[in-house]
Amino acid sequence: MSDLPVLDSAPLQELIDMGAEASLVQELVLLFQEDVPPRLVRLAASLASGDGPGILVEAHQLKGATGNLGLMRFSELAGRIETLVRQQQLQAAEPLIQALQGVYDEGLAALTQAFPAS
């Protein structure tokens, strides 16, 4: 898959270091948990129907959101999907889209380990 680390905790740690409440980070983790699974479902549905623009929208949103959280591996994979779809290579994007669930699971585990609920 990727040699990138699952999580670079610096972006979220910087929020805390600048005075943000730890509960803000917990809220961001919760939003990740709530937002990403439906996006993965929409991505798979878009792939099944050959909806390149639908894949593009979801991949782009996921790339940005996960990058902001420091989820490097997820963000990089979403970016690769976005690039392939822009090049109209939907079949090449399929295994990457299928891999996103596992990358989501490891990202969520890394976030909850690095920023445990208090």
C-alpha atoms as a PDB file:
ATOM      1  CA  MET A   1       0.000   0.000   0.000  1.00  0.00           C
ATOM      2  CA  SER A   2       1.921   3.059   1.210  1.00  0.00           C
ATOM      3  CA  ASP A   3       5.064   3.637   3.194  1.00  0.00           C
ATOM      4  CA  LEU A   4       3.523   6.718   4.761  1.00  0.00           C
ATOM      5  CA  PRO A   5       2.666   6.583   8.451  1.00  0.00           C
ATOM      6  CA  VAL A   6      -0.990   6.113   9.251  1.00  0.00           C
ATOM      7  CA  LEU A   7      -1.072   9.262  11.391  1.00  0.00           C
ATOM      8  CA  ASP A   8       0.997  12.385  11.740  1.00  0.00           C
ATOM      9  CA  SER A   9      -0.385  13.669  15.025  1.00  0.00           C
ATOM     10  CA  ALA A  10       1.233  17.118  14.599  1.00  0.00           C
ATOM     11  CA  PRO A  11      -1.805  18.934  13.104  1.00  0.00           C
ATOM     12  CA  LEU A  12      -4.106  17.944  15.963  1.00  0.00           C
ATOM     13  CA  GLN A  13      -1.410  18.311  18.605  1.00  0.00           C
ATOM     14  CA  GLU A  14      -0.736  21.841  17.338  1.00  0.00           C
ATOM     15  CA  LEU A  15      -4.392  22.696  17.977  1.00  0.00           C
ATOM     16  CA  ILE A  16      -4.010  21.559  21.577  1.00  0.00           C
ATOM     17  CA  ASP A  17      -0.667  23.345  21.949  1.00  0.00           C
ATOM     18  CA  MET A  18      -2.282  26.589  20.722  1.00  0.00           C
ATOM     19  CA  GLY A  19      -4.844  26.335  23.506  1.00  0.00           C
ATOM     20  CA  ALA A  20      -7.684  24.359  21.973  1.00  0.00           C
ATOM     21  CA  GLU A  21      -9.553  22.147  24.367  1.00  0.00           C
ATOM     22  CA  ALA A  22      -8.815  18.434  24.089  1.00  0.00           C
ATOM     23  CA  SER A  23     -12.564  18.022  23.600  1.00  0.00           C
ATOM     24  CA  LEU A  24     -12.203  19.770  20.229  1.00  0.00           C
ATOM     25  CA  VAL A  25      -9.893  17.006  19.042  1.00  0.00           C
ATOM     26  CA  GLN A  26     -12.365  14.429  20.336  1.00  0.00           C
ATOM     27  CA  GLU A  27     -15.109  16.185  18.416  1.00  0.00           C
ATOM     28  CA  LEU A  28     -12.998  16.049  15.237  1.00  0.00           C
ATOM     29  CA  VAL A  29     -12.406  12.324  15.756  1.00  0.00           C
ATOM     30  CA  LEU A  30     -16.152  11.815  16.242  1.00  0.00           C
ATOM     31  CA  LEU A  31     -16.887  13.765  13.052  1.00  0.00           C
ATOM     32  CA  PHE A  32     -14.403  11.526  11.230  1.00  0.00           C
ATOM     33  CA  GLN A  33     -16.249   8.461  12.563  1.00  0.00           C
ATOM     34  CA  GLU A  34     -19.622   9.846  11.491  1.00  0.00           C
ATOM     35  CA  ASP A  35     -18.657  11.366   8.133  1.00  0.00           C
ATOM     36  CA  VAL A  36     -16.331   8.860   6.516  1.00  0.00           C
ATOM     37  CA  PRO A  37     -18.387   5.610   6.482  1.00  0.00           C
ATOM     38  CA  PRO A  38     -21.275   7.149   4.477  1.00  0.00           C
ATOM     39  CA  ARG A  39     -18.737   8.659   2.084  1.00  0.00           C
ATOM     40  CA  LEU A  40     -17.172   5.229   1.593  1.00  0.00           C
ATOM     41  CA  VAL A  41     -20.617   3.832   0.768  1.00  0.00           C
ATOM     42  CA  ARG A  42     -21.227   6.635  -1.742  1.00  0.00           C
ATOM     43  CA  LEU A  43     -17.801   6.034  -3.261  1.00  0.00           C
ATOM     44  CA  ALA A  44     -18.539   2.338  -3.747  1.00  0.00           C
ATOM     45  CA  ALA A  45     -21.965   3.128  -5.235  1.00  0.00           C
ATOM     46  CA  SER A  46     -20.426   5.672  -7.600  1.00  0.00           C
ATOM     47  CA  LEU A  47     -17.837   3.112  -8.655  1.00  0.00           C
ATOM     48  CA  ALA A  48     -20.509   0.461  -9.249  1.00  0.00           C
ATOM     49  CA  SER A  49     -22.500   2.826 -11.457  1.00  0.00           C
ATOM     50  CA  GLY A  50     -19.451   4.190 -13.286  1.00  0.00           C
ATOM     51  CA  ASP A  51     -20.089   7.677 -11.891  1.00  0.00           C
ATOM     52  CA  GLY A  52     -16.658   9.268 -12.227  1.00  0.00           C
ATOM     53  CA  PRO A  53     -17.784  12.730 -11.063  1.00  0.00           C
ATOM     54  CA  GLY A  54     -19.340  11.171  -7.951  1.00  0.00           C
ATOM     55  CA  ILE A  55     -16.109   9.350  -7.163  1.00  0.00           C
ATOM     56  CA  LEU A  56     -14.163  12.540  -7.749  1.00  0.00           C
ATOM     57  CA  VAL A  57     -16.273  14.560  -5.314  1.00  0.00           C
ATOM     58  CA  GLU A  58     -16.007  11.984  -2.533  1.00  0.00           C
ATOM     59  CA  ALA A  59     -12.300  11.285  -3.067  1.00  0.00           C
ATOM     60  CA  HIS A  60     -11.509  14.997  -3.030  1.00  0.00           C
ATOM     61  CA  GLN A  61     -13.502  15.602   0.153  1.00  0.00           C
ATOM     62  CA  LEU A  62     -11.903  12.621   1.870  1.00  0.00           C
ATOM     63  CA  LYS A  63      -8.406  13.666   0.819  1.00  0.00           C
ATOM     64  CA  GLY A  64      -8.814  17.133   2.305  1.00  0.00           C
ATOM     65  CA  ALA A  65     -10.586  16.135   5.497  1.00  0.00           C
ATOM     66  CA  THR A  66      -8.220  13.309   6.354  1.00  0.00           C
ATOM     67  CA  GLY A  67      -5.177  15.377   5.445  1.00  0.00           C
ATOM     68  CA  ASN A  68      -6.296  18.043   7.923  1.00  0.00           C
ATOM     69  CA  LEU A  69      -6.492  15.358  10.614  1.00  0.00           C
ATOM     70  CA  GLY A  70      -2.990  14.121   9.834  1.00  0.00           C
ATOM     71  CA  LEU A  71      -4.216  10.817   8.405  1.00  0.00           C
ATOM     72  CA  MET A  72      -1.446  10.682   5.851  1.00  0.00           C
ATOM     73  CA  ARG A  73      -2.012   7.215   4.434  1.00  0.00           C
ATOM     74  CA  PHE A  74      -5.751   7.766   3.944  1.00  0.00           C
ATOM     75  CA  SER A  75      -5.248  11.205   2.411  1.00  0.00           C
ATOM     76  CA  GLU A  76      -2.596   9.918   0.014  1.00  0.00           C
ATOM     77  CA  LEU A  77      -4.804   7.014  -1.081  1.00  0.00           C
ATOM     78  CA  ALA A  78      -7.783   9.318  -1.649  1.00  0.00           C
ATOM     79  CA  GLY A  79      -5.508  11.597  -3.670  1.00  0.00           C
ATOM     80  CA  ARG A  80      -4.394   8.681  -5.835  1.00  0.00           C
ATOM     81  CA  ILE A  81      -8.040   7.772  -6.446  1.00  0.00           C
ATOM     82  CA  GLU A  82      -8.786  11.371  -7.387  1.00  0.00           C
ATOM     83  CA  THR A  83      -5.876  11.420  -9.848  1.00  0.00           C
ATOM     84  CA  LEU A  84      -6.907   8.148 -11.486  1.00  0.00           C
ATOM     85  CA  VAL A  85     -10.499   9.288 -11.882  1.00  0.00           C
ATOM     86  CA  ARG A  86      -9.372  12.607 -13.385  1.00  0.00           C
ATOM     87  CA  GLN A  87      -7.418  10.493 -15.892  1.00  0.00           C
ATOM     88  CA  GLN A  88     -10.621   8.496 -16.510  1.00  0.00           C
ATOM     89  CA  GLN A  89      -9.071   5.295 -15.157  1.00  0.00           C
ATOM     90  CA  LEU A  90     -12.005   4.067 -13.076  1.00  0.00           C
ATOM     91  CA  GLN A  91     -10.948   0.423 -13.229  1.00  0.00           C
ATOM     92  CA  ALA A  92      -7.497   1.281 -11.897  1.00  0.00           C
ATOM     93  CA  ALA A  93      -9.152   3.187  -9.022  1.00  0.00           C
ATOM     94  CA  GLU A  94     -11.330   0.220  -8.013  1.00  0.00           C
ATOM     95  CA  PRO A  95      -8.788  -1.643  -5.820  1.00  0.00           C
ATOM     96  CA  LEU A  96      -7.809   1.618  -4.166  1.00  0.00           C
ATOM     97  CA  ILE A  97     -11.430   2.413  -3.358  1.00  0.00           C
ATOM     98  CA  GLN A  98     -11.834  -1.089  -1.956  1.00  0.00           C
ATOM     99  CA  ALA A  99      -8.740  -0.538   0.229  1.00  0.00           C
ATOM    100  CA  LEU A 100     -10.143   2.620   1.813  1.00  0.00           C
ATOM    101  CA  GLN A 101     -12.196   0.754   4.441  1.00  0.00           C
ATOM    102  CA  GLY A 102      -9.079  -0.873   5.879  1.00  0.00           C
ATOM    103  CA  VAL A 103      -7.201   2.427   5.792  1.00  0.00           C
ATOM    104  CA  TYR A 104     -10.167   4.069   7.532  1.00  0.00           C
ATOM    105  CA  ASP A 105     -10.102   1.409  10.264  1.00  0.00           C
ATOM    106  CA  GLU A 106      -6.382   1.829  10.890  1.00  0.00           C
ATOM    107  CA  GLY A 107      -6.726   5.610  10.819  1.00  0.00           C
ATOM    108  CA  LEU A 108      -9.522   5.565  13.383  1.00  0.00           C
ATOM    109  CA  ALA A 109      -7.476   3.234  15.602  1.00  0.00           C
ATOM    110  CA  ALA A 110      -4.448   5.532  15.325  1.00  0.00           C
ATOM    111  CA  LEU A 111      -6.507   8.618  16.165  1.00  0.00           C
ATOM    112  CA  THR A 112      -8.137   7.053  19.200  1.00  0.00           C
ATOM    113  CA  GLN A 113      -4.804   5.769  20.439  1.00  0.00           C
ATOM    114  CA  ALA A 114      -3.020   9.106  19.969  1.00  0.00           C
ATOM    115  CA  PHE A 115      -5.925  11.168  21.354  1.00  0.00           C
ATOM    116  CA  PRO A 116      -7.850   8.963  23.802  1.00  0.00           C
ATOM    117  CA  ALA A 117     -11.171  10.217  25.120  1.00  0.00           C
ATOM    118  CA  SER A 118     -10.806  11.728  28.544  1.00  0.00           C
END
